[in-house]
N, C-alpha and C. Protein backbone atom coordinates (compact mmCIF):
# COMPACT_ATOMS: atom_id res chain seq x y z
N UNK A 1 0.13 16.40 6.78
CA UNK A 1 0.00 15.72 5.55
C UNK A 1 -1.58 14.35 5.89
N UNK A 2 -2.18 14.03 4.99
CA UNK A 2 -3.15 12.58 5.04
C UNK A 2 -2.51 11.44 5.56
N UNK A 3 -3.01 10.58 5.83
CA UNK A 3 -1.80 9.38 5.93
C UNK A 3 -3.24 8.46 6.16
N UNK A 4 -2.91 6.98 5.29
CA UNK A 4 -4.22 5.79 5.23
C UNK A 4 -3.30 4.90 5.44
N UNK A 5 -3.72 3.40 6.53
CA UNK A 5 -3.22 2.58 6.41
C UNK A 5 -4.10 1.52 5.52
N UNK A 6 -3.34 0.46 4.39
CA UNK A 6 -4.87 -0.22 3.97
C UNK A 6 -4.54 -1.20 3.82
N UNK A 7 -4.92 -2.27 4.54
CA UNK A 7 -4.77 -3.72 4.21
C UNK A 7 -5.53 -4.86 3.25
N UNK A 8 -5.16 -5.46 2.47
CA UNK A 8 -5.14 -6.41 1.11
C UNK A 8 -5.67 -7.67 1.07
N UNK A 9 -6.55 -7.57 0.82
CA UNK A 9 -6.58 -9.08 1.52
C UNK A 9 -7.02 -9.66 -0.34
N UNK A 10 -6.57 -11.00 -0.43
CA UNK A 10 -6.46 -12.14 -1.55
C UNK A 10 -5.55 -13.16 -1.82
N UNK A 11 -5.18 -13.11 -2.94
CA UNK A 11 -3.78 -14.01 -3.48
C UNK A 11 -2.76 -12.38 -3.78
N UNK A 12 -2.12 -12.00 -3.38
CA UNK A 12 -1.16 -11.00 -2.68
C UNK A 12 0.37 -11.06 -2.27
N UNK A 13 0.47 -12.12 -1.91
CA UNK A 13 1.52 -12.34 -1.44
C UNK A 13 2.54 -13.75 -2.54
N UNK A 14 3.77 -13.20 -2.49
CA UNK A 14 4.21 -14.14 -3.65
C UNK A 14 3.77 -13.80 -4.67
N UNK A 15 3.26 -13.02 -4.94
CA UNK A 15 2.97 -12.30 -6.19
C UNK A 15 3.53 -11.25 -7.09
N UNK A 16 4.49 -10.40 -5.74
CA UNK A 16 5.29 -9.28 -6.60
C UNK A 16 4.36 -7.81 -5.84
N UNK A 17 3.66 -7.93 -4.28
CA UNK A 17 2.41 -7.40 -4.78
C UNK A 17 3.49 -5.73 -4.02
N UNK A 18 4.53 -6.36 -3.16
CA UNK A 18 5.28 -5.27 -1.83
C UNK A 18 5.59 -3.95 -3.21
N UNK A 19 6.32 -5.20 -3.64
CA UNK A 19 8.39 -4.61 -4.75
C UNK A 19 6.88 -3.53 -5.90
N UNK A 20 5.39 -4.10 -6.29
CA UNK A 20 4.99 -3.46 -7.53
C UNK A 20 4.18 -2.60 -6.65
N UNK A 21 3.97 -2.03 -5.34
CA UNK A 21 3.30 -1.11 -4.12
C UNK A 21 3.69 0.18 -3.77
N UNK A 22 5.60 -0.62 -3.69
CA UNK A 22 6.84 0.62 -3.72
C UNK A 22 6.94 1.34 -4.93
N UNK A 23 6.72 1.22 -5.88
CA UNK A 23 7.08 1.82 -7.60
C UNK A 23 5.70 2.71 -7.32
N UNK A 24 4.81 1.87 -7.17
CA UNK A 24 3.17 2.68 -7.45
C UNK A 24 3.30 3.89 -6.34
N UNK A 25 3.92 3.86 -5.39
CA UNK A 25 4.17 4.91 -4.03
C UNK A 25 5.17 5.72 -4.64
N UNK A 26 6.12 5.27 -4.81
CA UNK A 26 7.36 6.68 -5.54
C UNK A 26 6.71 7.21 -6.79
N UNK A 27 6.34 6.99 -7.32
CA UNK A 27 5.53 7.37 -8.61
C UNK A 27 5.01 8.51 -8.32
N UNK A 28 4.04 8.48 -7.28
CA UNK A 28 2.84 9.24 -7.00
C UNK A 28 3.30 10.28 -5.75
N UNK A 29 4.90 9.98 -5.00
CA UNK A 29 5.49 11.36 -3.92
C UNK A 29 5.11 10.06 -3.65
N UNK A 30 4.65 9.33 -2.29
CA UNK A 30 4.36 8.40 -1.32
C UNK A 30 5.15 8.29 -0.10
N UNK A 31 5.62 8.37 0.81
CA UNK A 31 6.06 8.07 1.65
C UNK A 31 5.55 7.19 2.38
N UNK A 32 6.17 5.47 3.34
CA UNK A 32 5.64 4.72 3.56
C UNK A 32 6.22 2.84 3.71
N UNK A 33 5.17 2.38 4.22
CA UNK A 33 5.78 1.05 3.37
C UNK A 33 5.03 -0.08 3.42
N UNK A 34 4.91 -1.26 3.00
CA UNK A 34 4.18 -2.35 2.64
C UNK A 34 4.71 -3.35 3.46
N UNK A 35 3.91 -4.73 3.74
CA UNK A 35 5.30 -5.54 4.28
C UNK A 35 3.75 -6.45 4.57
N UNK A 36 4.35 -7.75 4.84
CA UNK A 36 2.91 -9.24 4.66
C UNK A 36 3.03 -8.91 5.46
N UNK A 37 1.80 -9.72 6.37
CA UNK A 37 1.16 -9.73 7.08
C UNK A 37 0.99 -11.89 7.07
N UNK A 38 0.94 -11.84 8.96
CA UNK A 38 0.25 -13.60 8.93
C UNK A 38 -0.45 -13.79 8.73
N UNK A 39 -1.68 -12.92 8.26
CA UNK A 39 -2.92 -14.22 7.84
C UNK A 39 -2.32 -14.13 6.31
N UNK A 40 -1.98 -13.52 5.78
CA UNK A 40 -1.93 -13.82 4.28
C UNK A 40 -2.38 -12.08 3.47
N UNK A 41 -1.93 -11.65 4.22
CA UNK A 41 -2.25 -10.06 3.59
C UNK A 41 -1.70 -9.29 3.79
N UNK A 42 -1.48 -8.29 2.61
CA UNK A 42 -0.52 -7.33 3.15
C UNK A 42 -0.89 -5.88 3.27
N UNK A 43 -0.71 -5.24 4.44
CA UNK A 43 -0.92 -3.73 4.93
C UNK A 43 0.21 -2.88 4.37
N UNK A 44 -0.11 -2.06 3.34
CA UNK A 44 0.21 -0.21 3.56
C UNK A 44 0.12 0.62 4.24
N UNK A 45 1.04 1.22 4.39
CA UNK A 45 0.93 2.60 5.11
C UNK A 45 1.50 3.06 4.35
N UNK A 46 0.64 4.37 4.22
CA UNK A 46 1.36 5.73 3.15
C UNK A 46 0.61 6.85 3.51
N UNK A 47 1.62 7.60 3.29
CA UNK A 47 1.27 9.65 3.63
C UNK A 47 2.30 10.04 2.42
N UNK A 48 1.29 11.28 2.44
CA UNK A 48 1.39 12.12 0.96
C UNK A 48 0.03 12.59 1.10
N UNK A 49 0.08 13.89 -0.15
CA UNK A 49 -1.02 14.41 -0.92
C UNK A 49 -2.67 13.37 -0.97
N UNK A 50 -3.48 14.27 -0.54
CA UNK A 50 -4.62 13.58 -0.73
C UNK A 50 -4.55 12.61 -2.04
N UNK A 51 -5.13 13.34 -3.26
CA UNK A 51 -5.06 12.36 -5.13
C UNK A 51 -3.50 11.78 -4.92
N UNK A 52 -2.68 12.00 -4.48
CA UNK A 52 -1.84 10.93 -4.81
C UNK A 52 -2.00 9.42 -3.74
N UNK A 53 -2.56 9.72 -2.39
CA UNK A 53 -3.09 8.38 -1.73
C UNK A 53 -4.44 8.06 -2.49
N UNK A 54 -5.56 8.57 -2.60
CA UNK A 54 -7.17 8.52 -3.14
C UNK A 54 -6.18 7.94 -4.40
N UNK A 55 -4.90 7.75 -5.52
CA UNK A 55 -4.61 6.75 -6.66
C UNK A 55 -4.31 5.61 -6.33
N UNK A 56 -3.24 5.49 -4.58
CA UNK A 56 -2.99 4.40 -4.31
C UNK A 56 -4.33 3.83 -3.99
N UNK A 57 -4.84 3.80 -3.54
CA UNK A 57 -6.10 3.48 -3.21
C UNK A 57 -6.86 2.72 -4.50
N UNK A 58 -7.30 3.20 -6.02
CA UNK A 58 -7.29 2.52 -6.62
C UNK A 58 -6.47 1.90 -6.65
N UNK A 59 -5.50 1.59 -7.11
CA UNK A 59 -4.25 0.85 -8.09
C UNK A 59 -4.46 -0.03 -6.89
N UNK A 60 -4.59 -0.09 -5.89
CA UNK A 60 -4.33 -1.05 -4.57
C UNK A 60 -5.27 -2.42 -5.33
N UNK A 61 -6.86 -1.53 -5.38
CA UNK A 61 -7.40 -2.59 -5.62
C UNK A 61 -7.42 -3.72 -6.59
N UNK A 62 -7.04 -3.70 -8.04
CA UNK A 62 -6.53 -4.74 -8.38
C UNK A 62 -4.68 -4.95 -8.74
N UNK A 63 -4.34 -4.33 -8.19
CA UNK A 63 -2.82 -4.40 -7.81
C UNK A 63 -2.01 -4.39 -8.91
N UNK A 64 -0.87 -5.88 -8.31
CA UNK A 64 -0.29 -6.22 -10.00
C UNK A 64 -0.58 -7.35 -10.62
N UNK A 65 -0.25 -7.22 -12.29
CA UNK A 65 -1.03 -8.56 -13.02
C UNK A 65 -1.42 -9.78 -12.12
N UNK A 66 0.14 -10.26 -11.35
CA UNK A 66 -0.16 -11.40 -10.89
C UNK A 66 -1.23 -11.59 -9.82
N UNK A 67 -1.31 -10.51 -8.93
CA UNK A 67 -2.07 -10.94 -7.79
C UNK A 67 -3.85 -10.67 -8.52
N UNK A 68 -4.38 -11.06 -7.10
CA UNK A 68 -5.71 -11.38 -6.77
C UNK A 68 -7.04 -10.79 -5.71
N UNK A 69 -6.66 -9.47 -5.90
CA UNK A 69 -6.88 -8.86 -4.85
C UNK A 69 -8.70 -8.79 -4.58
N UNK A 70 -9.18 -9.60 -3.85
CA UNK A 70 -9.91 -9.54 -2.86
C UNK A 70 -10.94 -8.37 -2.23
N UNK A 71 -10.12 -7.82 -2.12
CA UNK A 71 -11.12 -6.35 -0.87
C UNK A 71 -9.43 -6.01 -0.08
N UNK A 72 -9.93 -4.86 0.03
CA UNK A 72 -8.84 -3.50 0.55
C UNK A 72 -9.80 -3.55 1.89
N UNK A 73 -9.36 -2.23 2.78
CA UNK A 73 -9.88 -2.39 3.49
C UNK A 73 -8.87 -0.53 3.91
N UNK A 74 -9.50 -0.16 3.99
CA UNK A 74 -8.62 0.82 4.65
C UNK A 74 -9.63 2.28 5.72
N UNK A 75 -8.62 2.61 6.41
CA UNK A 75 -8.33 2.81 7.27
C UNK A 75 -7.27 4.78 7.47
N UNK A 76 -8.08 5.47 8.39
CA UNK A 76 -7.09 6.64 8.91
C UNK A 76 -6.10 6.23 9.56
N UNK A 77 -4.73 7.34 8.77
CA UNK A 77 -3.49 6.06 9.92
C UNK A 77 -3.34 7.84 10.44
N UNK A 78 -2.76 7.59 12.38
CA UNK A 78 -2.50 8.68 12.89
C UNK A 78 -1.75 9.51 12.56
N UNK A 79 -0.84 8.67 11.61
CA UNK A 79 0.76 9.73 10.74
C UNK A 79 1.78 10.17 12.63
N UNK A 80 2.53 10.55 12.24
CA UNK A 80 3.52 10.61 10.69
C UNK A 80 4.01 9.52 10.87
N UNK A 81 4.24 8.73 9.48
CA UNK A 81 4.90 7.41 9.01
C UNK A 81 6.17 8.30 8.91
N UNK A 82 6.69 6.78 9.78
CA UNK A 82 7.96 7.26 10.12
C UNK A 82 9.77 6.99 9.23
N UNK A 83 9.20 6.02 7.87
CA UNK A 83 10.14 6.30 7.31
C UNK A 83 10.05 7.40 6.11
N UNK A 84 11.48 7.21 5.57
CA UNK A 84 11.96 8.30 4.58
C UNK A 84 11.90 7.08 3.11
N UNK A 85 11.29 7.64 2.31
CA UNK A 85 10.82 7.09 1.10
C UNK A 85 9.33 6.72 1.20
N UNK A 86 9.68 4.99 0.22
CA UNK A 86 8.44 4.07 0.69
C UNK A 86 9.73 2.32 0.38
N UNK A 87 9.09 1.22 1.25
CA UNK A 87 10.40 1.05 2.15
C UNK A 87 9.00 -0.70 1.68
N UNK A 88 9.80 -1.83 1.41
CA UNK A 88 9.35 -3.18 2.23
C UNK A 88 9.28 -3.67 3.46
N UNK A 89 8.41 -4.38 4.23
CA UNK A 89 8.82 -4.68 4.98
C UNK A 89 8.65 -5.63 5.69
């Protein structure tokens, strides 16, 4: 299954970004995690169907209403994603 790692920059910590990402990812049937990074960005690793990954990538461009996404970097992830379901780290 394809997997991707996203690094989301902007106002993305303290605004419910990880919880909203988990809800979105679960709705899309993806597994993986979302976690805060020390530099203020959020890392999202997701694995699942290609169409679902594309939908998540599109959603990450805006995120939840309180977030202000400045930039999203997407990289391939060698997988497999070790999480069951989608978790917040």
